[in-house]
């Protein structure tokens, strides 16, 4: 599991004062995302329309092209999040849940999710000029599933670099 960002680092808060947005990326903060996830589950139970989650993990690639677990630069995270927002629809819930992990909630059919995955995997702006390696996974919400089991299943889903 990737490192979660539910803490404060030195004197720089990771979230805006309202707890809705991550102050660095302006993506949804984890606490707000969890509330949105619970709303999506309740809506899905009422309407019978399922939704999907897309998990994106990004890591820094060294200049020689080997994957290396070096610390992400703040500008990498910022450029990545801006590209991610540009590649998703306004109605999609895009949140930063970890230092290098984002999740998108998509209320739509599997075909739309497949198109989104393809767009994310193939858009060069998301890799920040090939400085980042992107790994993706996706799951569909199952009938009667709660938020915790849904997130556990998403974490257990194998990541693919496509």
Protein backbone atom coordinates (compact mmCIF):
# COMPACT_ATOMS: atom_id res chain seq x y z
CA UNK A 1 0.00 0.00 0.00
CA UNK A 2 1.27 3.45 -0.85
CA UNK A 3 2.01 6.02 1.84
CA UNK A 4 -1.16 7.89 2.80
CA UNK A 5 -1.11 11.65 3.32
CA UNK A 6 -3.27 12.31 6.32
CA UNK A 7 -0.68 14.19 8.33
CA UNK A 8 1.08 17.54 8.35
CA UNK A 9 4.69 17.85 7.28
CA UNK A 10 6.70 20.52 9.12
CA UNK A 11 4.73 23.79 9.01
CA UNK A 12 3.16 23.26 5.58
CA UNK A 13 -0.35 21.76 5.74
CA UNK A 14 -1.10 19.19 3.06
CA UNK A 15 -4.74 20.23 2.85
CA UNK A 16 -6.55 23.51 2.54
CA UNK A 17 -8.28 24.88 5.61
CA UNK A 18 -11.64 23.48 4.50
CA UNK A 19 -10.38 19.87 4.32
CA UNK A 20 -11.75 19.44 0.81
CA UNK A 21 -8.68 19.96 -1.37
CA UNK A 22 -5.04 18.95 -1.16
CA UNK A 23 -3.24 22.30 -0.96
CA UNK A 24 -0.38 21.20 -3.24
CA UNK A 25 -2.39 19.69 -6.12
CA UNK A 26 -5.91 21.05 -5.59
CA UNK A 27 -7.24 17.52 -6.06
CA UNK A 28 -9.74 16.25 -3.49
CA UNK A 29 -8.27 15.44 -0.09
CA UNK A 30 -8.63 11.92 1.37
CA UNK A 31 -11.27 12.86 3.97
CA UNK A 32 -13.52 14.42 1.35
CA UNK A 33 -12.89 11.55 -1.07
CA UNK A 34 -14.05 8.99 1.51
CA UNK A 35 -17.32 10.92 1.94
CA UNK A 36 -17.77 11.04 -1.85
CA UNK A 37 -17.11 7.29 -2.03
CA UNK A 38 -19.81 6.61 0.55
CA UNK A 39 -22.23 8.84 -1.41
CA UNK A 40 -21.44 6.95 -4.62
CA UNK A 41 -22.05 3.61 -2.90
CA UNK A 42 -25.41 4.82 -1.53
CA UNK A 43 -26.39 6.24 -4.94
CA UNK A 44 -25.41 3.00 -6.64
CA UNK A 45 -27.52 0.99 -4.16
CA UNK A 46 -30.56 3.23 -4.83
CA UNK A 47 -30.28 3.49 -8.61
CA UNK A 48 -28.61 0.20 -9.52
CA UNK A 49 -26.02 2.10 -11.56
CA UNK A 50 -22.52 0.94 -10.67
CA UNK A 51 -19.40 3.06 -10.65
CA UNK A 52 -15.70 2.38 -11.12
CA UNK A 53 -12.50 3.39 -9.37
CA UNK A 54 -9.25 3.96 -11.20
CA UNK A 55 -6.10 3.90 -9.09
CA UNK A 56 -3.00 5.64 -10.42
CA UNK A 57 0.41 5.29 -8.82
CA UNK A 58 3.29 7.32 -10.19
CA UNK A 59 6.98 6.90 -9.48
CA UNK A 60 10.00 8.89 -10.53
CA UNK A 61 12.23 7.38 -13.22
CA UNK A 62 15.94 8.09 -13.14
CA UNK A 63 17.61 9.82 -16.08
CA UNK A 64 19.03 6.50 -17.33
CA UNK A 65 15.50 5.06 -17.57
CA UNK A 66 15.70 2.63 -14.65
CA UNK A 67 12.87 2.77 -12.17
CA UNK A 68 14.21 4.16 -8.93
CA UNK A 69 12.48 4.87 -5.65
CA UNK A 70 13.81 8.38 -5.35
CA UNK A 71 11.81 11.15 -3.77
CA UNK A 72 9.30 12.88 -6.00
CA UNK A 73 9.87 16.54 -6.67
CA UNK A 74 7.04 18.95 -5.85
CA UNK A 75 6.89 20.14 -9.46
CA UNK A 76 6.46 16.52 -10.68
CA UNK A 77 3.44 16.10 -8.42
CA UNK A 78 2.01 19.46 -9.51
CA UNK A 79 2.45 18.81 -13.25
CA UNK A 80 1.05 15.30 -12.85
CA UNK A 81 -2.06 16.53 -11.02
CA UNK A 82 -2.70 19.28 -13.58
CA UNK A 83 -2.43 16.76 -16.43
CA UNK A 84 -4.70 14.35 -14.57
CA UNK A 85 -7.37 17.02 -14.11
CA UNK A 86 -7.18 17.89 -17.82
CA UNK A 87 -7.64 14.21 -18.81
CA UNK A 88 -10.72 13.57 -16.65
CA UNK A 89 -14.30 14.76 -16.85
CA UNK A 90 -15.67 17.41 -14.49
CA UNK A 91 -18.13 14.90 -13.00
CA UNK A 92 -15.35 12.44 -12.11
CA UNK A 93 -14.12 12.55 -8.52
CA UNK A 94 -10.31 12.88 -8.64
CA UNK A 95 -8.47 12.63 -5.30
CA UNK A 96 -4.92 12.42 -4.08
CA UNK A 97 -4.81 9.64 -1.47
CA UNK A 98 -1.08 9.15 -1.16
CA UNK A 99 2.16 10.95 -1.80
CA UNK A 100 2.27 9.32 -5.22
CA UNK A 101 -1.23 7.85 -5.52
CA UNK A 102 -4.48 9.21 -6.95
CA UNK A 103 -7.91 7.63 -7.33
CA UNK A 104 -10.67 8.58 -9.75
CA UNK A 105 -14.32 7.63 -9.15
CA UNK A 106 -16.11 7.25 -12.48
CA UNK A 107 -19.88 6.90 -12.75
CA UNK A 108 -20.21 5.35 -16.16
CA UNK A 109 -20.12 2.18 -18.22
CA UNK A 110 -17.10 -0.10 -18.60
CA UNK A 111 -16.50 1.22 -22.12
CA UNK A 112 -16.02 4.75 -20.80
CA UNK A 113 -13.60 3.50 -18.14
CA UNK A 114 -11.63 1.60 -20.80
CA UNK A 115 -11.37 4.78 -22.85
CA UNK A 116 -10.21 6.71 -19.78
CA UNK A 117 -7.57 4.07 -18.97
CA UNK A 118 -6.28 4.22 -22.53
CA UNK A 119 -6.16 8.02 -22.43
CA UNK A 120 -4.29 7.99 -19.10
CA UNK A 121 -1.80 5.34 -20.23
CA UNK A 122 -1.03 7.02 -23.56
CA UNK A 123 -0.98 10.73 -22.78
CA UNK A 124 2.61 12.02 -22.54
CA UNK A 125 1.64 14.96 -20.31
CA UNK A 126 0.81 12.55 -17.48
CA UNK A 127 4.38 11.20 -17.40
CA UNK A 128 5.78 14.75 -17.09
CA UNK A 129 8.08 14.39 -20.11
CA UNK A 130 8.85 10.73 -19.27
CA UNK A 131 10.10 11.64 -15.79
CA UNK A 132 7.34 9.55 -14.19
CA UNK A 133 6.20 5.97 -14.65
CA UNK A 134 2.43 5.50 -14.38
CA UNK A 135 0.78 2.31 -13.08
CA UNK A 136 -3.00 1.83 -13.25
CA UNK A 137 -5.64 -0.50 -11.86
CA UNK A 138 -9.42 -0.40 -11.88
CA UNK A 139 -12.36 -2.10 -10.21
CA UNK A 140 -16.15 -1.87 -10.43
CA UNK A 141 -18.26 -1.47 -7.31
CA UNK A 142 -20.10 -4.65 -6.39
CA UNK A 143 -23.67 -4.74 -5.10
CA UNK A 144 -23.79 -4.45 -1.30
CA UNK A 145 -20.12 -3.53 -0.96
CA UNK A 146 -19.11 -1.00 1.68
CA UNK A 147 -16.39 1.66 1.34
CA UNK A 148 -13.74 -0.22 3.31
CA UNK A 149 -14.09 -3.47 1.37
CA UNK A 150 -14.16 -1.52 -1.90
CA UNK A 151 -10.90 0.30 -1.05
CA UNK A 152 -9.27 -2.91 0.20
CA UNK A 153 -10.16 -4.61 -3.08
CA UNK A 154 -8.78 -1.63 -5.04
CA UNK A 155 -5.50 -1.79 -3.08
CA UNK A 156 -5.22 -5.53 -3.78
CA UNK A 157 -5.85 -5.12 -7.53
CA UNK A 158 -2.62 -5.58 -9.49
CA UNK A 159 -1.19 -2.43 -11.02
CA UNK A 160 -0.38 -2.41 -14.72
CA UNK A 161 1.91 -0.10 -16.67
CA UNK A 162 0.07 -1.05 -19.90
